[in-house]
Each structure stands twice: as structure tokens, then as C-alpha cells.
Amino acid sequence: MIFSRLKFTPLTLVIAICITYALAMFLGLVRYDVGLNPTAQGIYTLVLAAVFFISDLIFRKILNNAKWIWLIETAFIILTVAMILIFKEI
């Protein structure tokens, strides 16, 4: 079966969440009061999903062990969220 060759990693979950959030932004399902409009937030979220996708491909190419992929990608997600929160406060 074709799905048996697919690998599920933490970044694939984050990519799916980013695409779903961007779609909700474009459809107007998310309300906003202050800040960027939903279209710009949706575009930035899709760019972030593209960066995560490329990172996922790189991690899969470099690391062959699924345990290390999960560990490294989870650390990458935590560091990325921390950087986003730090830059948001500045």
C-alpha cells in the first residue's frame, strides 16, 4: 500500500495545522481586532508551513532513525515557537 511508505513526524503535524489555520484565515472564520488582516496572516502562515516542509525534508534526508527524527524535530519546533514568542515581545 502506498501509505505504508509515508512517515509521520512532528513537523508534518505542524504543517497540517498551519495549512488549516491559513485556510480558516482565508475563509474568514477567524476574527481579529488589532494587527494584521487575516489575509496577511494566512500568507505568513503558509510561508511558515513551507519553511517547515523544507526543514522536514532536510531532517528526513540527514537522519535515518525515526527516534532521532522525532527528537530533533520536536526540539526544532520548540525553538521556533520560542523565537516567535521572543520576537513578538520585542
C-alpha atoms as a PDB file:
ATOM      1  CA  MET A   1       0.000   0.000   0.000  1.00  0.00           C
ATOM      2  CA  ILE A   2       1.235   3.489  -0.783  1.00  0.00           C
ATOM      3  CA  PHE A   3       0.580   4.885   2.710  1.00  0.00           C
ATOM      4  CA  SER A   4       2.918   2.382   4.347  1.00  0.00           C
ATOM      5  CA  ARG A   5       5.939   4.279   2.987  1.00  0.00           C
ATOM      6  CA  LEU A   6       4.829   7.639   4.401  1.00  0.00           C
ATOM      7  CA  LYS A   7       6.448   8.779   7.618  1.00  0.00           C
ATOM      8  CA  PHE A   8       4.530  10.732  10.224  1.00  0.00           C
ATOM      9  CA  THR A   9       6.726  13.272  12.004  1.00  0.00           C
ATOM     10  CA  PRO A  10       6.069  16.222  14.333  1.00  0.00           C
ATOM     11  CA  LEU A  11       6.697  18.688  11.513  1.00  0.00           C
ATOM     12  CA  THR A  12       4.042  17.068   9.325  1.00  0.00           C
ATOM     13  CA  LEU A  13       1.545  17.656  12.120  1.00  0.00           C
ATOM     14  CA  VAL A  14       2.625  21.311  12.430  1.00  0.00           C
ATOM     15  CA  ILE A  15       2.411  21.744   8.644  1.00  0.00           C
ATOM     16  CA  ALA A  16      -1.158  20.400   8.660  1.00  0.00           C
ATOM     17  CA  ILE A  17      -2.086  22.785  11.489  1.00  0.00           C
ATOM     18  CA  CYS A  18      -0.530  25.753   9.640  1.00  0.00           C
ATOM     19  CA  ILE A  19      -2.388  24.954   6.416  1.00  0.00           C
ATOM     20  CA  THR A  20      -5.680  24.524   8.274  1.00  0.00           C
ATOM     21  CA  TYR A  21      -5.191  27.833  10.120  1.00  0.00           C
ATOM     22  CA  ALA A  22      -4.303  29.635   6.865  1.00  0.00           C
ATOM     23  CA  LEU A  23      -7.411  28.208   5.205  1.00  0.00           C
ATOM     24  CA  ALA A  24      -9.524  29.424   8.128  1.00  0.00           C
ATOM     25  CA  MET A  25      -7.932  32.869   7.719  1.00  0.00           C
ATOM     26  CA  PHE A  26      -8.716  32.990   4.006  1.00  0.00           C
ATOM     27  CA  LEU A  27     -12.309  31.866   4.555  1.00  0.00           C
ATOM     28  CA  GLY A  28     -12.849  34.486   7.260  1.00  0.00           C
ATOM     29  CA  LEU A  29     -13.546  32.023  10.056  1.00  0.00           C
ATOM     30  CA  VAL A  30     -11.040  33.698  12.410  1.00  0.00           C
ATOM     31  CA  ARG A  31     -11.877  37.102  13.849  1.00  0.00           C
ATOM     32  CA  TYR A  32      -9.319  39.776  14.509  1.00  0.00           C
ATOM     33  CA  ASP A  33      -9.412  43.110  16.276  1.00  0.00           C
ATOM     34  CA  VAL A  34      -5.916  44.559  16.093  1.00  0.00           C
ATOM     35  CA  GLY A  35      -2.901  43.745  13.974  1.00  0.00           C
ATOM     36  CA  LEU A  36      -2.556  42.264  10.530  1.00  0.00           C
ATOM     37  CA  ASN A  37      -5.600  41.432   8.497  1.00  0.00           C
ATOM     38  CA  PRO A  38      -6.476  37.741   8.109  1.00  0.00           C
ATOM     39  CA  THR A  39      -5.215  37.539   4.522  1.00  0.00           C
ATOM     40  CA  ALA A  40      -1.715  38.676   5.508  1.00  0.00           C
ATOM     41  CA  GLN A  41      -1.712  36.318   8.492  1.00  0.00           C
ATOM     42  CA  GLY A  42      -2.774  33.478   6.191  1.00  0.00           C
ATOM     43  CA  ILE A  43       0.048  34.241   3.770  1.00  0.00           C
ATOM     44  CA  TYR A  44       2.616  34.391   6.581  1.00  0.00           C
ATOM     45  CA  THR A  45       1.280  31.096   7.944  1.00  0.00           C
ATOM     46  CA  LEU A  46       1.665  29.455   4.529  1.00  0.00           C
ATOM     47  CA  VAL A  47       5.242  30.747   4.304  1.00  0.00           C
ATOM     48  CA  LEU A  48       5.914  29.258   7.743  1.00  0.00           C
ATOM     49  CA  ALA A  49       4.403  25.944   6.575  1.00  0.00           C
ATOM     50  CA  ALA A  50       6.719  26.000   3.536  1.00  0.00           C
ATOM     51  CA  VAL A  51       9.742  26.549   5.793  1.00  0.00           C
ATOM     52  CA  PHE A  52       8.627  23.657   7.991  1.00  0.00           C
ATOM     53  CA  PHE A  53       8.124  21.459   4.910  1.00  0.00           C
ATOM     54  CA  ILE A  54      11.638  22.148   3.625  1.00  0.00           C
ATOM     55  CA  SER A  55      13.041  21.570   7.105  1.00  0.00           C
ATOM     56  CA  ASP A  56      11.173  18.276   7.324  1.00  0.00           C
ATOM     57  CA  LEU A  57      12.665  17.131   4.020  1.00  0.00           C
ATOM     58  CA  ILE A  58      16.150  18.070   5.202  1.00  0.00           C
ATOM     59  CA  PHE A  59      15.741  16.260   8.529  1.00  0.00           C
ATOM     60  CA  ARG A  60      14.420  13.148   6.777  1.00  0.00           C
ATOM     61  CA  LYS A  61      17.368  13.156   4.365  1.00  0.00           C
ATOM     62  CA  ILE A  62      20.007  13.625   7.094  1.00  0.00           C
ATOM     63  CA  LEU A  63      18.536  11.372   9.800  1.00  0.00           C
ATOM     64  CA  ASN A  64      17.502   7.792   9.095  1.00  0.00           C
ATOM     65  CA  ASN A  65      16.438   6.735  12.579  1.00  0.00           C
ATOM     66  CA  ALA A  66      12.804   7.592  13.384  1.00  0.00           C
ATOM     67  CA  LYS A  67      13.630   8.144  17.066  1.00  0.00           C
ATOM     68  CA  TRP A  68      16.183  10.847  16.221  1.00  0.00           C
ATOM     69  CA  ILE A  69      13.859  12.453  13.692  1.00  0.00           C
ATOM     70  CA  TRP A  70      11.154  12.801  16.371  1.00  0.00           C
ATOM     71  CA  LEU A  71      13.625  14.143  18.920  1.00  0.00           C
ATOM     72  CA  ILE A  72      15.320  16.665  16.623  1.00  0.00           C
ATOM     73  CA  GLU A  73      12.086  17.879  15.019  1.00  0.00           C
ATOM     74  CA  THR A  74      10.376  18.328  18.389  1.00  0.00           C
ATOM     75  CA  ALA A  75      13.341  20.387  19.600  1.00  0.00           C
ATOM     76  CA  PHE A  76      13.208  22.397  16.351  1.00  0.00           C
ATOM     77  CA  ILE A  77       9.506  23.148  16.870  1.00  0.00           C
ATOM     78  CA  ILE A  78      10.073  24.219  20.485  1.00  0.00           C
ATOM     79  CA  LEU A  79      12.940  26.522  19.485  1.00  0.00           C
ATOM     80  CA  THR A  80      10.917  28.006  16.632  1.00  0.00           C
ATOM     81  CA  VAL A  81       7.947  28.735  18.913  1.00  0.00           C
ATOM     82  CA  ALA A  82      10.298  30.274  21.497  1.00  0.00           C
ATOM     83  CA  MET A  83      11.867  32.529  18.846  1.00  0.00           C
ATOM     84  CA  ILE A  84       8.454  33.610  17.566  1.00  0.00           C
ATOM     85  CA  LEU A  85       7.329  34.494  21.097  1.00  0.00           C
ATOM     86  CA  ILE A  86      10.564  36.397  21.811  1.00  0.00           C
ATOM     87  CA  PHE A  87      10.349  38.395  18.568  1.00  0.00           C
ATOM     88  CA  LYS A  88       6.663  39.082  19.179  1.00  0.00           C
ATOM     89  CA  GLU A  89       7.518  40.726  22.528  1.00  0.00           C
ATOM     90  CA  ILE A  90      10.300  42.912  21.063  1.00  0.00           C
END
